[in-house]
Amino acid sequence: MRVDHIDLADIAYHTASNCHIAKIHLVGPDTDITLDCAAFLAPEQSKHAVASALISDAIRQLHRLNASPRDKKTLTFAPGALPDVARKLI
């Protein structure tokens, strides 16, 4: 599974659950998936920190979706598609 581009949409801070939420859209030649993601960070965190945490949650979810040995695919990212902070999770 190759990801060439990552879009973040509908980013908001959900006060009831004290977390940032967003839809993360991952696009590639054989990939087109949108995930609902959450990041439990303080509301005053930088946009970069929030985006990185949300993308990290998306990667975590992809690993779980890809956990079945029968369906297992290698997760790869095009150069520049993944923020440096989230790289350590793949």
C-alpha atoms as a PDB file:
ATOM      1  CA  MET A   1       0.000   0.000   0.000  1.00  0.00           C
ATOM      2  CA  ARG A   2       1.674   3.196  -1.180  1.00  0.00           C
ATOM      3  CA  VAL A   3       0.586   6.626   0.042  1.00  0.00           C
ATOM      4  CA  ASP A   4       1.522   9.547  -2.217  1.00  0.00           C
ATOM      5  CA  HIS A   5      -0.504  12.297  -0.558  1.00  0.00           C
ATOM      6  CA  ILE A   6      -2.153  12.951   2.802  1.00  0.00           C
ATOM      7  CA  ASP A   7      -5.033  15.412   3.258  1.00  0.00           C
ATOM      8  CA  LEU A   8      -6.393  16.595   6.583  1.00  0.00           C
ATOM      9  CA  ALA A   9      -9.988  17.829   6.694  1.00  0.00           C
ATOM     10  CA  ASP A  10     -12.527  18.928   9.275  1.00  0.00           C
ATOM     11  CA  ILE A  11      -9.895  19.528  11.965  1.00  0.00           C
ATOM     12  CA  ALA A  12     -11.572  20.588  15.197  1.00  0.00           C
ATOM     13  CA  TYR A  13     -11.071  20.502  18.943  1.00  0.00           C
ATOM     14  CA  HIS A  14     -13.758  18.435  20.648  1.00  0.00           C
ATOM     15  CA  THR A  15     -14.125  19.879  24.149  1.00  0.00           C
ATOM     16  CA  ALA A  16     -16.340  17.064  25.487  1.00  0.00           C
ATOM     17  CA  SER A  17     -13.590  14.487  24.930  1.00  0.00           C
ATOM     18  CA  ASN A  18     -10.608  16.865  25.204  1.00  0.00           C
ATOM     19  CA  CYS A  19      -9.119  15.886  21.857  1.00  0.00           C
ATOM     20  CA  HIS A  20      -8.459  17.146  18.355  1.00  0.00           C
ATOM     21  CA  ILE A  21     -10.379  15.284  15.664  1.00  0.00           C
ATOM     22  CA  ALA A  22     -10.074  15.195  11.878  1.00  0.00           C
ATOM     23  CA  LYS A  23     -10.602  13.149   8.771  1.00  0.00           C
ATOM     24  CA  ILE A  24      -7.321  11.939   7.255  1.00  0.00           C
ATOM     25  CA  HIS A  25      -7.470  11.071   3.566  1.00  0.00           C
ATOM     26  CA  LEU A  26      -4.641   8.903   2.246  1.00  0.00           C
ATOM     27  CA  VAL A  27      -4.250   8.711  -1.546  1.00  0.00           C
ATOM     28  CA  GLY A  28      -1.984   6.604  -3.740  1.00  0.00           C
ATOM     29  CA  PRO A  29      -2.009   4.448  -6.867  1.00  0.00           C
ATOM     30  CA  ASP A  30      -3.793   1.588  -5.074  1.00  0.00           C
ATOM     31  CA  THR A  31      -4.930   3.532  -2.001  1.00  0.00           C
ATOM     32  CA  ASP A  32      -7.889   5.814  -1.365  1.00  0.00           C
ATOM     33  CA  ILE A  33      -8.953   5.681   2.252  1.00  0.00           C
ATOM     34  CA  THR A  34     -10.389   8.188   4.717  1.00  0.00           C
ATOM     35  CA  LEU A  35     -10.013   7.622   8.458  1.00  0.00           C
ATOM     36  CA  ASP A  36     -11.575   9.405  11.428  1.00  0.00           C
ATOM     37  CA  CYS A  37      -8.637  10.241  13.696  1.00  0.00           C
ATOM     38  CA  ALA A  38      -8.120  11.713  17.146  1.00  0.00           C
ATOM     39  CA  ALA A  39      -5.201  13.282  19.000  1.00  0.00           C
ATOM     40  CA  PHE A  40      -5.335  13.813  22.738  1.00  0.00           C
ATOM     41  CA  LEU A  41      -3.335  17.037  22.951  1.00  0.00           C
ATOM     42  CA  ALA A  42      -4.025  20.316  24.732  1.00  0.00           C
ATOM     43  CA  PRO A  43      -6.054  22.829  22.685  1.00  0.00           C
ATOM     44  CA  GLU A  44      -3.136  25.288  22.544  1.00  0.00           C
ATOM     45  CA  GLN A  45      -0.759  22.856  20.789  1.00  0.00           C
ATOM     46  CA  SER A  46       0.773  24.014  17.507  1.00  0.00           C
ATOM     47  CA  LYS A  47      -0.900  23.108  14.217  1.00  0.00           C
ATOM     48  CA  HIS A  48       2.172  21.051  13.296  1.00  0.00           C
ATOM     49  CA  ALA A  49       1.986  19.027  16.532  1.00  0.00           C
ATOM     50  CA  VAL A  50      -1.737  18.397  16.067  1.00  0.00           C
ATOM     51  CA  ALA A  51      -1.358  17.405  12.398  1.00  0.00           C
ATOM     52  CA  SER A  52       1.522  15.048  13.226  1.00  0.00           C
ATOM     53  CA  ALA A  53      -0.449  13.412  16.044  1.00  0.00           C
ATOM     54  CA  LEU A  54      -3.516  12.992  13.821  1.00  0.00           C
ATOM     55  CA  ILE A  55      -1.431  11.441  11.032  1.00  0.00           C
ATOM     56  CA  SER A  56       0.211   9.168  13.603  1.00  0.00           C
ATOM     57  CA  ASP A  57      -3.257   7.973  14.619  1.00  0.00           C
ATOM     58  CA  ALA A  58      -4.052   7.284  10.944  1.00  0.00           C
ATOM     59  CA  ILE A  59      -0.881   5.184  10.628  1.00  0.00           C
ATOM     60  CA  ARG A  60      -1.796   3.288  13.795  1.00  0.00           C
ATOM     61  CA  GLN A  61      -5.220   2.520  12.327  1.00  0.00           C
ATOM     62  CA  LEU A  62      -3.684   1.403   9.010  1.00  0.00           C
ATOM     63  CA  HIS A  63      -1.431  -1.035  10.858  1.00  0.00           C
ATOM     64  CA  ARG A  64      -4.474  -2.478  12.638  1.00  0.00           C
ATOM     65  CA  LEU A  65      -6.431  -2.756   9.369  1.00  0.00           C
ATOM     66  CA  ASN A  66      -3.422  -4.466   7.820  1.00  0.00           C
ATOM     67  CA  ALA A  67      -2.914  -6.912  10.721  1.00  0.00           C
ATOM     68  CA  SER A  68      -4.361  -9.982   8.986  1.00  0.00           C
ATOM     69  CA  PRO A  69      -1.530 -12.130   7.548  1.00  0.00           C
ATOM     70  CA  ARG A  70      -3.735 -12.976   4.545  1.00  0.00           C
ATOM     71  CA  ASP A  71      -4.289  -9.314   3.639  1.00  0.00           C
ATOM     72  CA  LYS A  72      -0.928  -7.981   4.819  1.00  0.00           C
ATOM     73  CA  LYS A  73       0.563  -5.314   2.553  1.00  0.00           C
ATOM     74  CA  THR A  74       3.692  -3.245   2.990  1.00  0.00           C
ATOM     75  CA  LEU A  75       2.880   0.347   3.905  1.00  0.00           C
ATOM     76  CA  THR A  76       5.076   2.834   2.029  1.00  0.00           C
ATOM     77  CA  PHE A  77       5.034   6.597   1.628  1.00  0.00           C
ATOM     78  CA  ALA A  78       6.194   8.711  -1.294  1.00  0.00           C
ATOM     79  CA  PRO A  79       9.068  11.107  -0.506  1.00  0.00           C
ATOM     80  CA  GLY A  80       7.665  14.123   1.286  1.00  0.00           C
ATOM     81  CA  ALA A  81       4.233  12.561   1.893  1.00  0.00           C
ATOM     82  CA  LEU A  82       4.853  11.860   5.577  1.00  0.00           C
ATOM     83  CA  PRO A  83       5.868  14.463   8.190  1.00  0.00           C
ATOM     84  CA  ASP A  84       9.153  13.667   9.959  1.00  0.00           C
ATOM     85  CA  VAL A  85       7.452  13.395  13.356  1.00  0.00           C
ATOM     86  CA  ALA A  86       5.217  10.551  12.147  1.00  0.00           C
ATOM     87  CA  ARG A  87       7.993   8.624  10.323  1.00  0.00           C
ATOM     88  CA  LYS A  88       9.095   6.772  13.427  1.00  0.00           C
ATOM     89  CA  LEU A  89       5.731   4.946  13.544  1.00  0.00           C
ATOM     90  CA  ILE A  90       6.083   3.009  10.286  1.00  0.00           C
END
